[in-house]
Amino acid sequence: MLHPISEEQTVVRTDLLALLMEMLQANKHRELPQRLFAVGDVVEDCVTYKKVAAVSIHPVADFSEAYAAADVFCRELSLPYAVAESADPAFIDGRRGDIIVGERIVGVFGEIHPAVLNAFDLEHPVAAFALDLRAVPGYPVPPGTPSPGGQ
């Protein structure tokens, strides 16, 4: 990174949502609502690729807001997608969905679990989504980079 916001952000990341949760924690003294996004490199199975992620924190942030943000993002990028309910302990049970392109899971959206909020010392709900940019039609992908979902 040429101009990282902080030295901690020069490390290899496997997920952008954790970065955004750290940023919310660092900015918890600021006025709400707060809406942040990040586009950056992540590493998974020794492959580096770009992801986008976004979070929103305020007293009524919820699953619907996460879904709406993911929907607008996918539509603006002309990304044909489907959604399916999924589970992950970082999200509230029943309030997480996968973003599916073809047969591949390329992203997630949902409402962050209260235990995660407590771990980051956050007092308000957080809606979030993340998307593998290799799924976006026309997005430049370096030669030899596996497609999302490893297929």
C-alpha atoms as a PDB file:
ATOM      1  CA  MET A   1       0.000   0.000   0.000  1.00  0.00           C
ATOM      2  CA  LEU A   2       1.320   3.396  -0.904  1.00  0.00           C
ATOM      3  CA  HIS A   3      -0.656   5.482   1.584  1.00  0.00           C
ATOM      4  CA  PRO A   4      -2.215   3.317   4.294  1.00  0.00           C
ATOM      5  CA  ILE A   5      -4.459   5.005   6.842  1.00  0.00           C
ATOM      6  CA  SER A   6      -2.401   3.398   9.585  1.00  0.00           C
ATOM      7  CA  GLU A   7       0.561   1.042   9.923  1.00  0.00           C
ATOM      8  CA  GLU A   8      -1.763  -1.808  10.969  1.00  0.00           C
ATOM      9  CA  GLN A   9      -3.388  -1.672   7.543  1.00  0.00           C
ATOM     10  CA  THR A  10      -0.203  -2.720   5.742  1.00  0.00           C
ATOM     11  CA  VAL A  11      -0.636  -6.337   6.896  1.00  0.00           C
ATOM     12  CA  VAL A  12      -2.054  -9.131   4.775  1.00  0.00           C
ATOM     13  CA  ARG A  13      -5.817  -9.377   5.245  1.00  0.00           C
ATOM     14  CA  THR A  14      -8.063 -12.365   4.757  1.00  0.00           C
ATOM     15  CA  ASP A  15     -11.208 -10.303   5.248  1.00  0.00           C
ATOM     16  CA  LEU A  16     -12.213  -6.649   4.912  1.00  0.00           C
ATOM     17  CA  LEU A  17     -15.141  -6.779   7.326  1.00  0.00           C
ATOM     18  CA  ALA A  18     -12.758  -7.192  10.274  1.00  0.00           C
ATOM     19  CA  LEU A  19     -10.867  -4.099   9.104  1.00  0.00           C
ATOM     20  CA  LEU A  20     -14.099  -2.113   8.945  1.00  0.00           C
ATOM     21  CA  MET A  21     -15.162  -3.309  12.397  1.00  0.00           C
ATOM     22  CA  GLU A  22     -11.789  -2.085  13.720  1.00  0.00           C
ATOM     23  CA  MET A  23     -12.421   1.270  12.052  1.00  0.00           C
ATOM     24  CA  LEU A  24     -15.870   1.505  13.660  1.00  0.00           C
ATOM     25  CA  GLN A  25     -14.276   0.745  17.012  1.00  0.00           C
ATOM     26  CA  ALA A  26     -11.667   3.478  16.485  1.00  0.00           C
ATOM     27  CA  ASN A  27     -14.415   5.938  15.525  1.00  0.00           C
ATOM     28  CA  LYS A  28     -17.014   5.005  18.144  1.00  0.00           C
ATOM     29  CA  HIS A  29     -16.715   8.485  19.665  1.00  0.00           C
ATOM     30  CA  ARG A  30     -17.970  10.024  16.410  1.00  0.00           C
ATOM     31  CA  GLU A  31     -21.574  10.871  15.592  1.00  0.00           C
ATOM     32  CA  LEU A  32     -23.935   8.234  14.178  1.00  0.00           C
ATOM     33  CA  PRO A  33     -24.860   7.043  11.651  1.00  0.00           C
ATOM     34  CA  GLN A  34     -21.500   5.942  10.293  1.00  0.00           C
ATOM     35  CA  ARG A  35     -21.207   4.187   6.961  1.00  0.00           C
ATOM     36  CA  LEU A  36     -17.810   2.937   5.835  1.00  0.00           C
ATOM     37  CA  PHE A  37     -16.541   0.906   2.914  1.00  0.00           C
ATOM     38  CA  ALA A  38     -13.240  -0.583   1.831  1.00  0.00           C
ATOM     39  CA  VAL A  39     -11.902  -1.981  -1.411  1.00  0.00           C
ATOM     40  CA  GLY A  40      -8.693  -3.910  -1.079  1.00  0.00           C
ATOM     41  CA  ASP A  41      -6.599  -6.985  -1.478  1.00  0.00           C
ATOM     42  CA  VAL A  42      -7.344 -10.087   0.550  1.00  0.00           C
ATOM     43  CA  VAL A  43      -5.508 -13.405   0.547  1.00  0.00           C
ATOM     44  CA  GLU A  44      -7.239 -16.774   0.562  1.00  0.00           C
ATOM     45  CA  ASP A  45      -5.568 -20.112  -0.167  1.00  0.00           C
ATOM     46  CA  CYS A  46      -2.384 -18.263  -1.252  1.00  0.00           C
ATOM     47  CA  VAL A  47      -4.347 -16.247  -3.845  1.00  0.00           C
ATOM     48  CA  THR A  48      -4.547 -12.451  -3.640  1.00  0.00           C
ATOM     49  CA  TYR A  49      -7.653 -10.790  -5.035  1.00  0.00           C
ATOM     50  CA  LYS A  50      -9.828  -7.705  -4.499  1.00  0.00           C
ATOM     51  CA  LYS A  51     -12.904  -7.492  -2.320  1.00  0.00           C
ATOM     52  CA  VAL A  52     -15.287  -4.715  -1.427  1.00  0.00           C
ATOM     53  CA  ALA A  53     -16.978  -4.494   1.951  1.00  0.00           C
ATOM     54  CA  ALA A  54     -19.246  -2.002   3.673  1.00  0.00           C
ATOM     55  CA  VAL A  55     -20.648  -1.490   7.159  1.00  0.00           C
ATOM     56  CA  SER A  56     -23.284   0.760   8.668  1.00  0.00           C
ATOM     57  CA  ILE A  57     -23.687   1.449  12.380  1.00  0.00           C
ATOM     58  CA  HIS A  58     -26.600   3.262  14.016  1.00  0.00           C
ATOM     59  CA  PRO A  59     -29.425   2.421  16.437  1.00  0.00           C
ATOM     60  CA  VAL A  60     -31.655   0.763  13.804  1.00  0.00           C
ATOM     61  CA  ALA A  61     -29.072  -0.849  11.458  1.00  0.00           C
ATOM     62  CA  ASP A  62     -30.389  -4.275  10.461  1.00  0.00           C
ATOM     63  CA  PHE A  63     -30.478  -7.144   7.985  1.00  0.00           C
ATOM     64  CA  SER A  64     -32.728  -5.205   5.587  1.00  0.00           C
ATOM     65  CA  GLU A  65     -30.182  -2.394   5.333  1.00  0.00           C
ATOM     66  CA  ALA A  66     -27.384  -4.883   4.630  1.00  0.00           C
ATOM     67  CA  TYR A  67     -29.461  -6.590   1.941  1.00  0.00           C
ATOM     68  CA  ALA A  68     -30.453  -3.260   0.356  1.00  0.00           C
ATOM     69  CA  ALA A  69     -26.827  -2.088   0.212  1.00  0.00           C
ATOM     70  CA  ALA A  70     -25.664  -5.366  -1.344  1.00  0.00           C
ATOM     71  CA  ASP A  71     -28.571  -5.290  -3.807  1.00  0.00           C
ATOM     72  CA  VAL A  72     -27.842  -1.730  -4.972  1.00  0.00           C
ATOM     73  CA  PHE A  73     -24.135  -2.501  -5.312  1.00  0.00           C
ATOM     74  CA  CYS A  74     -24.749  -5.646  -7.383  1.00  0.00           C
ATOM     75  CA  ARG A  75     -27.357  -3.960  -9.591  1.00  0.00           C
ATOM     76  CA  GLU A  76     -25.119  -0.932 -10.259  1.00  0.00           C
ATOM     77  CA  LEU A  77     -22.386  -3.331 -11.395  1.00  0.00           C
ATOM     78  CA  SER A  78     -24.834  -5.307 -13.576  1.00  0.00           C
ATOM     79  CA  LEU A  79     -24.054  -8.395 -11.529  1.00  0.00           C
ATOM     80  CA  PRO A  80     -26.796 -11.011 -11.924  1.00  0.00           C
ATOM     81  CA  TYR A  81     -27.087 -12.690  -8.549  1.00  0.00           C
ATOM     82  CA  ALA A  82     -29.267 -14.728  -6.246  1.00  0.00           C
ATOM     83  CA  VAL A  83     -29.367 -14.878  -2.464  1.00  0.00           C
ATOM     84  CA  ALA A  84     -29.625 -17.755  -0.037  1.00  0.00           C
ATOM     85  CA  GLU A  85     -29.903 -17.788   3.731  1.00  0.00           C
ATOM     86  CA  SER A  86     -26.704 -18.940   5.378  1.00  0.00           C
ATOM     87  CA  ALA A  87     -25.201 -19.210   8.835  1.00  0.00           C
ATOM     88  CA  ASP A  88     -22.024 -17.802  10.345  1.00  0.00           C
ATOM     89  CA  PRO A  89     -21.384 -17.136  14.043  1.00  0.00           C
ATOM     90  CA  ALA A  90     -20.233 -13.583  13.210  1.00  0.00           C
ATOM     91  CA  PHE A  91     -23.809 -12.781  12.131  1.00  0.00           C
ATOM     92  CA  ILE A  92     -27.136 -13.057  13.948  1.00  0.00           C
ATOM     93  CA  ASP A  93     -28.761 -16.421  13.219  1.00  0.00           C
ATOM     94  CA  GLY A  94     -31.338 -16.010  10.440  1.00  0.00           C
ATOM     95  CA  ARG A  95     -29.983 -12.588   9.493  1.00  0.00           C
ATOM     96  CA  ARG A  96     -27.204 -13.512   7.079  1.00  0.00           C
ATOM     97  CA  GLY A  97     -27.345 -14.283   3.400  1.00  0.00           C
ATOM     98  CA  ASP A  98     -24.962 -15.407   0.695  1.00  0.00           C
ATOM     99  CA  ILE A  99     -24.613 -13.564  -2.605  1.00  0.00           C
ATOM    100  CA  ILE A 100     -24.526 -16.210  -5.337  1.00  0.00           C
ATOM    101  CA  VAL A 101     -23.437 -15.756  -8.949  1.00  0.00           C
ATOM    102  CA  GLY A 102     -23.988 -18.832 -11.092  1.00  0.00           C
ATOM    103  CA  GLU A 103     -23.337 -21.596  -8.594  1.00  0.00           C
ATOM    104  CA  ARG A 104     -20.649 -19.736  -6.644  1.00  0.00           C
ATOM    105  CA  ILE A 105     -20.918 -17.926  -3.339  1.00  0.00           C
ATOM    106  CA  VAL A 106     -19.199 -14.600  -4.013  1.00  0.00           C
ATOM    107  CA  GLY A 107     -20.305 -12.521  -1.060  1.00  0.00           C
ATOM    108  CA  VAL A 108     -22.258 -12.164   2.157  1.00  0.00           C
ATOM    109  CA  PHE A 109     -24.562  -9.659   3.810  1.00  0.00           C
ATOM    110  CA  GLY A 110     -26.284  -9.443   7.143  1.00  0.00           C
ATOM    111  CA  GLU A 111     -26.490  -8.133  10.672  1.00  0.00           C
ATOM    112  CA  ILE A 112     -23.417  -8.581  12.871  1.00  0.00           C
ATOM    113  CA  HIS A 113     -23.886 -10.725  16.006  1.00  0.00           C
ATOM    114  CA  PRO A 114     -24.013  -8.926  19.387  1.00  0.00           C
ATOM    115  CA  ALA A 115     -21.045 -11.000  20.637  1.00  0.00           C
ATOM    116  CA  VAL A 116     -18.931  -9.570  17.798  1.00  0.00           C
ATOM    117  CA  LEU A 117     -20.193  -6.072  18.567  1.00  0.00           C
ATOM    118  CA  ASN A 118     -19.163  -6.596  22.208  1.00  0.00           C
ATOM    119  CA  ALA A 119     -15.711  -7.813  21.141  1.00  0.00           C
ATOM    120  CA  PHE A 120     -15.243  -4.523  19.273  1.00  0.00           C
ATOM    121  CA  ASP A 121     -16.830  -2.543  22.138  1.00  0.00           C
ATOM    122  CA  LEU A 122     -19.616  -1.296  19.859  1.00  0.00           C
ATOM    123  CA  GLU A 123     -22.974  -0.342  21.343  1.00  0.00           C
ATOM    124  CA  HIS A 124     -25.187  -0.213  18.245  1.00  0.00           C
ATOM    125  CA  PRO A 125     -26.214  -2.729  15.558  1.00  0.00           C
ATOM    126  CA  VAL A 126     -24.037  -3.100  12.465  1.00  0.00           C
ATOM    127  CA  ALA A 127     -25.275  -4.044   8.991  1.00  0.00           C
ATOM    128  CA  ALA A 128     -22.578  -5.326   6.622  1.00  0.00           C
ATOM    129  CA  PHE A 129     -21.824  -6.832   3.244  1.00  0.00           C
ATOM    130  CA  ALA A 130     -18.737  -8.094   1.414  1.00  0.00           C
ATOM    131  CA  LEU A 131     -18.243  -9.121  -2.209  1.00  0.00           C
ATOM    132  CA  ASP A 132     -15.448 -10.791  -4.181  1.00  0.00           C
ATOM    133  CA  LEU A 133     -14.804  -8.420  -7.089  1.00  0.00           C
ATOM    134  CA  ARG A 134     -13.712 -11.281  -9.371  1.00  0.00           C
ATOM    135  CA  ALA A 135     -17.449 -11.975  -9.775  1.00  0.00           C
ATOM    136  CA  VAL A 136     -18.088  -8.589 -11.421  1.00  0.00           C
ATOM    137  CA  PRO A 137     -18.371  -8.801 -15.235  1.00  0.00           C
ATOM    138  CA  GLY A 138     -15.498  -6.920 -16.852  1.00  0.00           C
ATOM    139  CA  TYR A 139     -13.560  -6.445 -13.615  1.00  0.00           C
ATOM    140  CA  PRO A 140      -9.846  -6.836 -14.421  1.00  0.00           C
ATOM    141  CA  VAL A 141      -8.556 -10.133 -13.059  1.00  0.00           C
ATOM    142  CA  PRO A 142      -4.833 -10.962 -13.296  1.00  0.00           C
ATOM    143  CA  PRO A 143      -4.062 -14.031 -15.455  1.00  0.00           C
ATOM    144  CA  GLY A 144      -4.038 -17.274 -13.493  1.00  0.00           C
ATOM    145  CA  THR A 145      -6.262 -15.949 -10.693  1.00  0.00           C
ATOM    146  CA  PRO A 146      -8.854 -18.567  -9.721  1.00  0.00           C
ATOM    147  CA  SER A 147     -12.476 -17.502 -10.005  1.00  0.00           C
ATOM    148  CA  PRO A 148     -14.595 -16.936  -6.884  1.00  0.00           C
ATOM    149  CA  GLY A 149     -15.518 -20.121  -5.098  1.00  0.00           C
ATOM    150  CA  GLY A 150     -12.369 -21.811  -6.397  1.00  0.00           C
ATOM    151  CA  GLN A 151     -14.034 -23.072  -9.564  1.00  0.00           C
END
